[in-house]
Protein backbone atom coordinates (compact mmCIF):
# COMPACT_ATOMS: atom_id res chain seq x y z
CA MET A 1 31.70 -87.95 91.33
CA SER A 2 33.20 -91.52 92.46
CA ILE A 3 36.22 -89.57 92.81
CA ILE A 4 35.05 -87.11 95.23
CA ARG A 5 32.85 -89.77 97.44
CA GLY A 6 36.16 -91.62 97.79
CA PHE A 7 38.07 -88.58 98.84
CA GLN A 8 35.30 -87.95 101.29
CA ALA A 9 35.56 -91.40 102.62
CA THR A 10 39.12 -91.16 103.24
CA THR A 11 39.23 -87.95 105.05
CA SER A 12 36.65 -88.93 107.16
CA THR A 13 38.05 -91.89 108.66
CA ASN A 14 41.36 -90.12 109.44
CA ILE A 15 40.23 -87.75 111.91
CA ASN A 16 40.70 -88.62 115.33
CA LYS A 17 37.55 -88.54 117.47
CA GLY A 18 39.64 -86.67 120.02
CA GLY A 19 39.82 -83.60 118.29
CA ASN A 20 43.34 -83.59 116.90
CA ASN A 21 45.59 -85.02 114.30
CA PHE A 22 48.29 -86.45 116.34
CA PRO A 23 49.24 -90.26 115.88
CA PRO A 24 48.24 -92.02 119.44
CA GLY A 25 50.59 -90.90 122.04
CA MET A 26 51.95 -87.60 120.79
CA THR A 27 49.21 -85.66 122.57
CA ASN A 28 51.39 -85.92 125.82
CA ASN A 29 54.23 -84.20 124.66
CA VAL A 30 52.50 -80.44 124.26
CA THR A 31 55.00 -78.05 125.85
CA GLU A 32 53.71 -75.39 128.16
CA PRO A 33 53.98 -71.78 126.14
CA GLN A 34 56.85 -69.60 127.32
CA LYS A 35 55.62 -66.97 129.98
CA THR A 36 55.96 -63.62 128.01
CA THR A 37 55.03 -59.90 129.93
CA SER A 38 53.54 -56.99 128.54
CA LEU A 39 55.80 -54.06 126.86
CA ARG A 40 54.40 -51.98 129.21
CA ASP A 41 55.98 -53.87 132.51
CA LEU A 42 59.10 -54.58 130.60
CA ALA A 43 59.27 -50.68 129.81
CA GLN A 44 59.26 -50.18 133.69
CA THR A 45 62.18 -52.71 134.21
CA ILE A 46 64.48 -52.79 131.11
CA ASP A 47 66.53 -49.62 130.96
CA PRO A 48 67.61 -49.96 127.07
CA SER A 49 70.98 -48.44 127.47
CA SER A 50 72.00 -51.12 130.14
CA MET A 51 70.35 -54.23 129.02
CA SER A 52 71.19 -57.88 128.81
CA ARG A 53 70.62 -60.82 126.32
CA ASN A 54 67.68 -62.14 128.75
CA GLU A 55 66.11 -58.88 128.17
CA ALA A 56 66.33 -58.37 124.57
CA ARG A 57 64.87 -61.99 124.46
CA ALA A 58 61.94 -60.83 126.56
CA MET A 59 61.26 -58.01 124.43
CA ALA A 60 61.22 -59.86 121.26
CA ASN A 61 59.02 -62.26 122.83
CA ALA A 62 56.58 -59.55 123.97
CA LEU A 63 56.78 -58.12 120.58
CA MET A 64 56.15 -61.02 118.76
CA LYS A 65 52.95 -61.70 120.97
CA SER A 66 51.74 -58.56 119.89
CA GLY A 67 51.83 -59.34 116.20
CA ASP A 68 55.29 -57.34 115.39
CA ALA A 69 57.57 -60.08 113.99
CA ASP A 70 59.86 -57.25 112.16
CA LEU A 71 60.54 -55.39 114.94
CA SER A 72 60.73 -58.85 117.13
CA SER A 73 63.58 -60.21 115.02
CA VAL A 74 65.69 -57.00 115.34
CA PHE A 75 65.66 -57.55 119.22
CA PHE A 76 65.57 -61.48 119.27
CA SER A 77 68.96 -60.96 117.04
CA HIS A 78 71.10 -59.28 119.85
CA SER A 79 69.93 -62.24 122.00
CA VAL A 80 71.18 -65.02 120.03
CA VAL A 81 74.93 -66.48 121.01
CA LEU A 82 76.37 -69.42 121.12
CA ILE A 83 78.18 -71.15 124.09
CA PRO A 84 81.41 -73.16 123.19
CA THR A 85 81.48 -76.41 125.08
CA GLY A 86 85.42 -77.20 125.06
CA ASN A 87 85.33 -79.66 122.67
CA GLY A 88 84.79 -77.82 119.17
CA THR A 89 81.07 -77.87 119.44
CA PHE A 90 78.82 -75.32 120.97
CA ARG A 91 75.10 -75.13 122.47
CA ASN A 92 72.36 -72.88 122.96
CA PRO A 93 72.51 -70.55 126.46
CA THR A 94 70.36 -71.08 129.00
CA GLU A 95 69.04 -68.17 131.07
CA SER A 96 71.34 -68.63 133.77
CA ASP A 97 74.48 -68.30 131.46
CA PRO A 98 76.69 -65.43 132.84
CA ILE A 99 76.98 -64.14 128.93
CA MET A 100 73.09 -63.76 129.05
CA ASN A 101 72.93 -61.32 131.83
CA GLU A 102 75.78 -59.46 130.65
CA LYS A 103 74.62 -55.85 129.90
CA PHE A 104 75.07 -53.63 126.84
CA ASN A 105 73.50 -50.45 125.14
CA MET A 106 70.86 -51.63 122.88
CA PHE A 107 70.64 -47.97 121.08
CA ASP A 108 74.48 -48.68 120.34
CA ALA A 109 74.16 -51.89 118.93
CA ILE A 110 71.11 -51.20 116.33
CA ARG A 111 73.26 -48.02 115.47
CA SER A 112 76.19 -50.30 114.49
CA ASN A 113 74.07 -52.54 112.71
CA ILE A 114 72.52 -49.65 111.02
CA GLU A 115 76.13 -48.44 109.91
CA PHE A 116 77.24 -52.09 108.86
CA ASN A 117 73.92 -52.35 106.75
CA LYS A 118 75.38 -48.70 105.15
CA SER A 119 78.35 -50.03 104.22
CA LYS A 120 77.01 -53.23 102.50
CA GLY A 121 73.84 -51.52 100.90
CA PHE A 122 71.35 -53.28 103.04
CA SER A 123 68.18 -52.38 103.90
CA ASN A 124 67.77 -50.60 107.36
CA GLU A 125 64.13 -50.56 107.51
CA ASN A 126 63.52 -52.66 110.65
CA ASN A 127 66.91 -51.35 112.23
CA LEU A 128 65.23 -47.89 111.81
CA SER A 129 62.08 -48.96 113.18
CA ALA A 130 63.65 -50.84 116.12
CA LEU A 131 65.57 -47.56 117.30
CA SER A 132 62.47 -45.63 116.73
CA PHE A 133 60.61 -48.39 118.78
CA LEU A 134 63.32 -48.44 121.20
CA GLU A 135 63.33 -44.64 121.97
CA ARG A 136 59.20 -44.57 122.56
CA PHE A 137 60.09 -47.68 124.92
CA GLU A 138 62.55 -45.64 127.19
CA ILE A 139 59.95 -43.28 127.48
CA MET A 140 57.45 -45.54 128.18
CA GLY A 141 59.53 -46.55 131.10
CA ASN A 142 59.94 -43.27 132.34
CA SER A 143 56.33 -42.39 132.24
CA PRO A 144 53.53 -43.48 134.50
CA GLU A 145 50.59 -45.32 133.50
CA ILE A 146 47.41 -43.43 133.34
CA ASP A 147 44.34 -45.10 134.48
CA THR A 148 41.38 -44.37 131.90
CA HIS A 149 38.95 -46.31 133.84
CA ALA A 150 38.94 -43.72 136.68
């Protein structure tokens, strides 16, 4: 019984009265969450057959926000690139780097991944789901939104 009381005393003295467990001075370093756009809004502005890495990242963020991490990872992987700095090192790109705005066909990119995975005997479950989603995404972009509140 004394062990339990000792544990309770220890844990109660470590709780910050401010409502968080950050050490003093660490609470000011909280960053704002990244802005995300709904999938419907993205479908109205993104053409999957001619999209940029920035657009692929926006899709990945929206999918992650909706709770679909597996699908998000497929689109995020097409937005990842490193920029050579010229001295043998690399850096992460910014949204304004030209390579992030170069257009590519996401359908072709996913189909290429599927073929590569087939050749190596890897699973294609996420890629096939992403291809199916992308087809629905394209239709969503070409279809007007129906107001169900009317």
